[in-house]
């Protein structure tokens, strides 16, 4: 099965984002802050965005080779909102897609994003092979390490099972491990005082 032993840190993410050109930085930011993958983001339409409710409603395929889809409802954070506000300012009246990247076909836009991503990673001090899909992994891992309910994260990301989420993103930082033990210590110490 799939196992990943490295996850982007916040510092690595910010360094790579800073090296990306404008529109590609926006796509990468959007991916890291929504958990959507490259093709989900490049296909995302304005009709999926509810700025008043600060919600993105879209679908993603359950698996690559199936027509079954899962409905996703992802709340916007401030960075996603800023990207959408900027995109709406430069939007043409008839644009359906949020990200009208260079190249008119989905394949070209994806390729251009990949090239720009590789260029930024090569300029960065990040010493491991980071792929655009690692932005989705960052989202899942970051939320897990922040103590967000795993069921909620699975729901945001369209994972059918908690097991799948934990296998793929259940990596904990040393800081998260230390905080977990501190919670144990505090709880245990409080229990000892009441006896």
C-alpha atoms as a PDB file:
ATOM      1  CA  UNK A   1       0.000   0.000   0.000  1.00  0.00           C
ATOM      2  CA  UNK A   2       0.858   3.673  -0.021  1.00  0.00           C
ATOM      3  CA  UNK A   3       3.215   4.901   2.647  1.00  0.00           C
ATOM      4  CA  UNK A   4       4.812   8.294   2.853  1.00  0.00           C
ATOM      5  CA  UNK A   5       7.547   9.032   5.322  1.00  0.00           C
ATOM      6  CA  UNK A   6       8.124  12.724   4.559  1.00  0.00           C
ATOM      7  CA  UNK A   7       5.603  15.501   4.757  1.00  0.00           C
ATOM      8  CA  UNK A   8       6.028  19.159   3.935  1.00  0.00           C
ATOM      9  CA  UNK A   9       6.636  21.339   6.947  1.00  0.00           C
ATOM     10  CA  UNK A  10       5.084  24.796   7.113  1.00  0.00           C
ATOM     11  CA  UNK A  11       8.518  26.338   6.574  1.00  0.00           C
ATOM     12  CA  UNK A  12       9.175  24.227   3.449  1.00  0.00           C
ATOM     13  CA  UNK A  13       5.724  25.027   2.092  1.00  0.00           C
ATOM     14  CA  UNK A  14       6.181  28.784   2.578  1.00  0.00           C
ATOM     15  CA  UNK A  15       9.630  28.712   0.976  1.00  0.00           C
ATOM     16  CA  UNK A  16       8.341  26.895  -2.133  1.00  0.00           C
ATOM     17  CA  UNK A  17       5.230  29.097  -2.368  1.00  0.00           C
ATOM     18  CA  UNK A  18       7.424  32.215  -2.290  1.00  0.00           C
ATOM     19  CA  UNK A  19       9.410  30.887  -5.278  1.00  0.00           C
ATOM     20  CA  UNK A  20       6.346  30.137  -7.426  1.00  0.00           C
ATOM     21  CA  UNK A  21       5.096  32.655  -9.981  1.00  0.00           C
ATOM     22  CA  UNK A  22       1.783  34.394  -9.199  1.00  0.00           C
ATOM     23  CA  UNK A  23      -0.918  32.176 -10.677  1.00  0.00           C
ATOM     24  CA  UNK A  24       0.968  28.977  -9.825  1.00  0.00           C
ATOM     25  CA  UNK A  25       1.456  30.213  -6.258  1.00  0.00           C
ATOM     26  CA  UNK A  26      -2.309  30.699  -6.044  1.00  0.00           C
ATOM     27  CA  UNK A  27      -3.029  27.155  -7.275  1.00  0.00           C
ATOM     28  CA  UNK A  28      -0.490  25.669  -4.836  1.00  0.00           C
ATOM     29  CA  UNK A  29      -1.850  27.742  -1.930  1.00  0.00           C
ATOM     30  CA  UNK A  30      -5.366  26.622  -2.806  1.00  0.00           C
ATOM     31  CA  UNK A  31      -4.286  22.952  -2.838  1.00  0.00           C
ATOM     32  CA  UNK A  32      -2.448  23.199   0.492  1.00  0.00           C
ATOM     33  CA  UNK A  33      -5.422  24.929   2.148  1.00  0.00           C
ATOM     34  CA  UNK A  34      -8.266  22.782   0.773  1.00  0.00           C
ATOM     35  CA  UNK A  35      -6.773  19.302   0.358  1.00  0.00           C
ATOM     36  CA  UNK A  36      -7.917  19.225  -3.270  1.00  0.00           C
ATOM     37  CA  UNK A  37      -5.516  17.688  -5.771  1.00  0.00           C
ATOM     38  CA  UNK A  38      -4.165  19.261  -8.962  1.00  0.00           C
ATOM     39  CA  UNK A  39      -6.935  18.126 -11.296  1.00  0.00           C
ATOM     40  CA  UNK A  40      -9.682  19.003  -8.784  1.00  0.00           C
ATOM     41  CA  UNK A  41      -8.337  22.553  -8.494  1.00  0.00           C
ATOM     42  CA  UNK A  42      -7.734  23.051 -12.222  1.00  0.00           C
ATOM     43  CA  UNK A  43     -11.323  21.921 -12.956  1.00  0.00           C
ATOM     44  CA  UNK A  44     -12.883  23.970 -10.155  1.00  0.00           C
ATOM     45  CA  UNK A  45     -15.584  26.351 -11.374  1.00  0.00           C
ATOM     46  CA  UNK A  46     -16.902  29.573  -9.871  1.00  0.00           C
ATOM     47  CA  UNK A  47     -20.282  27.871  -9.441  1.00  0.00           C
ATOM     48  CA  UNK A  48     -18.655  25.669  -6.739  1.00  0.00           C
ATOM     49  CA  UNK A  49     -17.781  28.697  -4.610  1.00  0.00           C
ATOM     50  CA  UNK A  50     -20.106  30.321  -2.089  1.00  0.00           C
ATOM     51  CA  UNK A  51     -18.319  33.465  -0.893  1.00  0.00           C
ATOM     52  CA  UNK A  52     -21.123  34.424   1.542  1.00  0.00           C
ATOM     53  CA  UNK A  53     -21.067  31.048   3.312  1.00  0.00           C
ATOM     54  CA  UNK A  54     -17.272  30.824   2.790  1.00  0.00           C
ATOM     55  CA  UNK A  55     -17.694  27.302   1.454  1.00  0.00           C
ATOM     56  CA  UNK A  56     -16.450  25.315  -1.534  1.00  0.00           C
ATOM     57  CA  UNK A  57     -18.843  22.625  -2.737  1.00  0.00           C
ATOM     58  CA  UNK A  58     -17.450  20.234  -5.311  1.00  0.00           C
ATOM     59  CA  UNK A  59     -17.089  16.562  -6.166  1.00  0.00           C
ATOM     60  CA  UNK A  60     -14.112  14.310  -6.657  1.00  0.00           C
ATOM     61  CA  UNK A  61     -13.852  10.844  -8.121  1.00  0.00           C
ATOM     62  CA  UNK A  62     -13.789   8.075  -5.523  1.00  0.00           C
ATOM     63  CA  UNK A  63     -11.023   6.320  -7.459  1.00  0.00           C
ATOM     64  CA  UNK A  64      -9.216   7.052 -10.725  1.00  0.00           C
ATOM     65  CA  UNK A  65     -10.985   4.409 -12.802  1.00  0.00           C
ATOM     66  CA  UNK A  66     -14.566   4.835 -11.619  1.00  0.00           C
ATOM     67  CA  UNK A  67     -17.409   7.214 -12.356  1.00  0.00           C
ATOM     68  CA  UNK A  68     -18.520   7.303  -8.703  1.00  0.00           C
ATOM     69  CA  UNK A  69     -17.990  10.651  -7.034  1.00  0.00           C
ATOM     70  CA  UNK A  70     -17.954  11.949  -3.482  1.00  0.00           C
ATOM     71  CA  UNK A  71     -19.477  15.337  -2.658  1.00  0.00           C
ATOM     72  CA  UNK A  72     -17.105  17.632  -0.795  1.00  0.00           C
ATOM     73  CA  UNK A  73     -17.927  20.654   1.318  1.00  0.00           C
ATOM     74  CA  UNK A  74     -14.769  22.502   2.357  1.00  0.00           C
ATOM     75  CA  UNK A  75     -14.819  25.687   4.451  1.00  0.00           C
ATOM     76  CA  UNK A  76     -12.525  28.457   3.214  1.00  0.00           C
ATOM     77  CA  UNK A  77      -9.676  29.710   5.327  1.00  0.00           C
ATOM     78  CA  UNK A  78      -8.330  33.259   4.955  1.00  0.00           C
ATOM     79  CA  UNK A  79      -5.685  32.297   2.388  1.00  0.00           C
ATOM     80  CA  UNK A  80      -8.233  30.553   0.135  1.00  0.00           C
ATOM     81  CA  UNK A  81     -10.541  33.546   0.455  1.00  0.00           C
ATOM     82  CA  UNK A  82      -7.695  35.907  -0.524  1.00  0.00           C
ATOM     83  CA  UNK A  83      -6.856  33.770  -3.588  1.00  0.00           C
ATOM     84  CA  UNK A  84     -10.525  33.723  -4.657  1.00  0.00           C
ATOM     85  CA  UNK A  85     -10.888  37.486  -4.150  1.00  0.00           C
ATOM     86  CA  UNK A  86      -7.811  38.078  -6.295  1.00  0.00           C
ATOM     87  CA  UNK A  87      -8.992  35.633  -8.995  1.00  0.00           C
ATOM     88  CA  UNK A  88     -12.410  37.313  -9.109  1.00  0.00           C
ATOM     89  CA  UNK A  89     -10.762  40.720  -9.691  1.00  0.00           C
ATOM     90  CA  UNK A  90      -8.900  39.457 -12.780  1.00  0.00           C
ATOM     91  CA  UNK A  91     -11.704  37.198 -13.963  1.00  0.00           C
ATOM     92  CA  UNK A  92     -13.278  37.659 -17.387  1.00  0.00           C
ATOM     93  CA  UNK A  93     -17.069  37.794 -17.383  1.00  0.00           C
ATOM     94  CA  UNK A  94     -17.520  34.410 -19.086  1.00  0.00           C
ATOM     95  CA  UNK A  95     -14.772  32.487 -17.257  1.00  0.00           C
ATOM     96  CA  UNK A  96     -16.219  29.354 -15.694  1.00  0.00           C
ATOM     97  CA  UNK A  97     -12.925  28.070 -14.317  1.00  0.00           C
ATOM     98  CA  UNK A  98     -11.353  29.760 -11.313  1.00  0.00           C
ATOM     99  CA  UNK A  99      -7.817  29.085 -12.510  1.00  0.00           C
ATOM    100  CA  UNK A 100      -7.383  30.035 -16.164  1.00  0.00           C
ATOM    101  CA  UNK A 101      -3.721  29.075 -16.375  1.00  0.00           C
ATOM    102  CA  UNK A 102      -1.549  29.412 -19.480  1.00  0.00           C
ATOM    103  CA  UNK A 103      -2.431  26.754 -22.054  1.00  0.00           C
ATOM    104  CA  UNK A 104      -6.006  26.069 -22.961  1.00  0.00           C
ATOM    105  CA  UNK A 105      -6.166  22.331 -22.362  1.00  0.00           C
ATOM    106  CA  UNK A 106      -6.270  20.683 -18.966  1.00  0.00           C
ATOM    107  CA  UNK A 107      -3.127  18.706 -19.875  1.00  0.00           C
ATOM    108  CA  UNK A 108      -1.148  21.859 -20.808  1.00  0.00           C
ATOM    109  CA  UNK A 109      -2.213  23.700 -17.663  1.00  0.00           C
ATOM    110  CA  UNK A 110      -1.223  20.717 -15.540  1.00  0.00           C
ATOM    111  CA  UNK A 111       2.140  20.425 -17.329  1.00  0.00           C
ATOM    112  CA  UNK A 112       2.893  24.133 -16.908  1.00  0.00           C
ATOM    113  CA  UNK A 113       2.076  23.881 -13.218  1.00  0.00           C
ATOM    114  CA  UNK A 114       4.398  20.841 -12.860  1.00  0.00           C
ATOM    115  CA  UNK A 115       7.281  22.686 -14.607  1.00  0.00           C
ATOM    116  CA  UNK A 116       6.827  25.790 -12.457  1.00  0.00           C
ATOM    117  CA  UNK A 117       6.609  23.634  -9.327  1.00  0.00           C
ATOM    118  CA  UNK A 118       9.838  21.762 -10.173  1.00  0.00           C
ATOM    119  CA  UNK A 119      11.645  25.041 -10.876  1.00  0.00           C
ATOM    120  CA  UNK A 120      10.584  26.475  -7.485  1.00  0.00           C
ATOM    121  CA  UNK A 121      11.553  23.272  -5.643  1.00  0.00           C
ATOM    122  CA  UNK A 122      14.986  23.225  -7.331  1.00  0.00           C
ATOM    123  CA  UNK A 123      15.623  26.837  -6.240  1.00  0.00           C
ATOM    124  CA  UNK A 124      14.517  26.082  -2.675  1.00  0.00           C
ATOM    125  CA  UNK A 125      16.581  24.608   0.154  1.00  0.00           C
ATOM    126  CA  UNK A 126      14.122  21.680   0.452  1.00  0.00           C
ATOM    127  CA  UNK A 127      16.286  18.560   0.150  1.00  0.00           C
ATOM    128  CA  UNK A 128      13.711  15.956  -0.868  1.00  0.00           C
ATOM    129  CA  UNK A 129      11.531  15.362  -3.927  1.00  0.00           C
ATOM    130  CA  UNK A 130       8.317  17.298  -3.228  1.00  0.00           C
ATOM    131  CA  UNK A 131       5.451  16.768  -5.682  1.00  0.00           C
ATOM    132  CA  UNK A 132       2.371  18.962  -6.143  1.00  0.00           C
ATOM    133  CA  UNK A 133       0.305  16.113  -4.639  1.00  0.00           C
ATOM    134  CA  UNK A 134       2.284  16.626  -1.421  1.00  0.00           C
ATOM    135  CA  UNK A 135       0.203  19.788  -0.955  1.00  0.00           C
ATOM    136  CA  UNK A 136      -2.875  17.573  -0.448  1.00  0.00           C
ATOM    137  CA  UNK A 137      -0.835  15.453   1.968  1.00  0.00           C
ATOM    138  CA  UNK A 138       0.245  18.626   3.793  1.00  0.00           C
ATOM    139  CA  UNK A 139      -3.420  19.551   4.342  1.00  0.00           C
ATOM    140  CA  UNK A 140      -4.329  16.161   5.841  1.00  0.00           C
ATOM    141  CA  UNK A 141      -1.182  15.863   7.933  1.00  0.00           C
ATOM    142  CA  UNK A 142      -1.320  19.463   9.182  1.00  0.00           C
ATOM    143  CA  UNK A 143      -4.943  19.136  10.326  1.00  0.00           C
ATOM    144  CA  UNK A 144      -4.247  15.792  12.042  1.00  0.00           C
ATOM    145  CA  UNK A 145      -1.252  17.281  13.854  1.00  0.00           C
ATOM    146  CA  UNK A 146      -3.374  20.281  14.849  1.00  0.00           C
ATOM    147  CA  UNK A 147      -5.807  18.007  16.663  1.00  0.00           C
ATOM    148  CA  UNK A 148      -8.715  18.268  14.199  1.00  0.00           C
ATOM    149  CA  UNK A 149     -11.118  15.317  14.425  1.00  0.00           C
ATOM    150  CA  UNK A 150      -9.918  12.679  11.896  1.00  0.00           C
ATOM    151  CA  UNK A 151     -13.519  12.056  10.786  1.00  0.00           C
ATOM    152  CA  UNK A 152     -13.831  15.734   9.852  1.00  0.00           C
ATOM    153  CA  UNK A 153     -10.567  15.617   7.883  1.00  0.00           C
ATOM    154  CA  UNK A 154     -11.675  12.435   6.069  1.00  0.00           C
ATOM    155  CA  UNK A 155     -14.902  14.246   5.198  1.00  0.00           C
ATOM    156  CA  UNK A 156     -13.067  17.332   3.855  1.00  0.00           C
ATOM    157  CA  UNK A 157     -10.742  15.178   1.750  1.00  0.00           C
ATOM    158  CA  UNK A 158     -13.330  12.755   0.438  1.00  0.00           C
ATOM    159  CA  UNK A 159     -11.897   9.644   2.076  1.00  0.00           C
ATOM    160  CA  UNK A 160     -14.495   6.931   2.485  1.00  0.00           C
ATOM    161  CA  UNK A 161     -12.819   5.518   5.574  1.00  0.00           C
ATOM    162  CA  UNK A 162     -10.912   6.762   8.567  1.00  0.00           C
ATOM    163  CA  UNK A 163      -8.495   3.873   8.074  1.00  0.00           C
ATOM    164  CA  UNK A 164      -7.459   5.250   4.680  1.00  0.00           C
ATOM    165  CA  UNK A 165      -6.923   8.731   6.133  1.00  0.00           C
ATOM    166  CA  UNK A 166      -4.811   7.505   9.043  1.00  0.00           C
ATOM    167  CA  UNK A 167      -2.693   5.220   6.832  1.00  0.00           C
ATOM    168  CA  UNK A 168      -1.969   7.992   4.371  1.00  0.00           C
ATOM    169  CA  UNK A 169      -1.648  11.050   6.620  1.00  0.00           C
ATOM    170  CA  UNK A 170      -1.240   9.623  10.112  1.00  0.00           C
ATOM    171  CA  UNK A 171       2.258  10.993  10.494  1.00  0.00           C
ATOM    172  CA  UNK A 172       2.837  12.917  13.669  1.00  0.00           C
ATOM    173  CA  UNK A 173       5.472  15.558  14.193  1.00  0.00           C
ATOM    174  CA  UNK A 174       7.775  15.347  17.200  1.00  0.00           C
ATOM    175  CA  UNK A 175       6.026  18.438  18.577  1.00  0.00           C
ATOM    176  CA  UNK A 176       2.621  16.699  18.349  1.00  0.00           C
ATOM    177  CA  UNK A 177       4.052  13.640  20.118  1.00  0.00           C
ATOM    178  CA  UNK A 178       5.457  15.830  22.935  1.00  0.00           C
ATOM    179  CA  UNK A 179       2.124  17.656  23.315  1.00  0.00           C
ATOM    180  CA  UNK A 180       0.264  14.328  23.546  1.00  0.00           C
ATOM    181  CA  UNK A 181       2.511  13.201  26.409  1.00  0.00           C
ATOM    182  CA  UNK A 182       2.107  16.582  28.145  1.00  0.00           C
ATOM    183  CA  UNK A 183      -1.674  16.074  28.023  1.00  0.00           C
ATOM    184  CA  UNK A 184      -1.166  12.650  29.571  1.00  0.00           C
ATOM    185  CA  UNK A 185       1.096  14.114  32.268  1.00  0.00           C
ATOM    186  CA  UNK A 186      -1.386  16.888  33.099  1.00  0.00           C
ATOM    187  CA  UNK A 187      -4.323  14.479  33.194  1.00  0.00           C
ATOM    188  CA  UNK A 188      -2.406  11.906  35.230  1.00  0.00           C
ATOM    189  CA  UNK A 189      -1.107  14.541  37.662  1.00  0.00           C
ATOM    190  CA  UNK A 190      -4.645  15.913  38.143  1.00  0.00           C
ATOM    191  CA  UNK A 191      -5.925  12.391  38.805  1.00  0.00           C
ATOM    192  CA  UNK A 192      -3.217  11.824  41.429  1.00  0.00           C
ATOM    193  CA  UNK A 193      -4.141  15.044  43.272  1.00  0.00           C
ATOM    194  CA  UNK A 194      -7.775  13.999  43.675  1.00  0.00           C
ATOM    195  CA  UNK A 195      -6.891  10.762  45.452  1.00  0.00           C
END
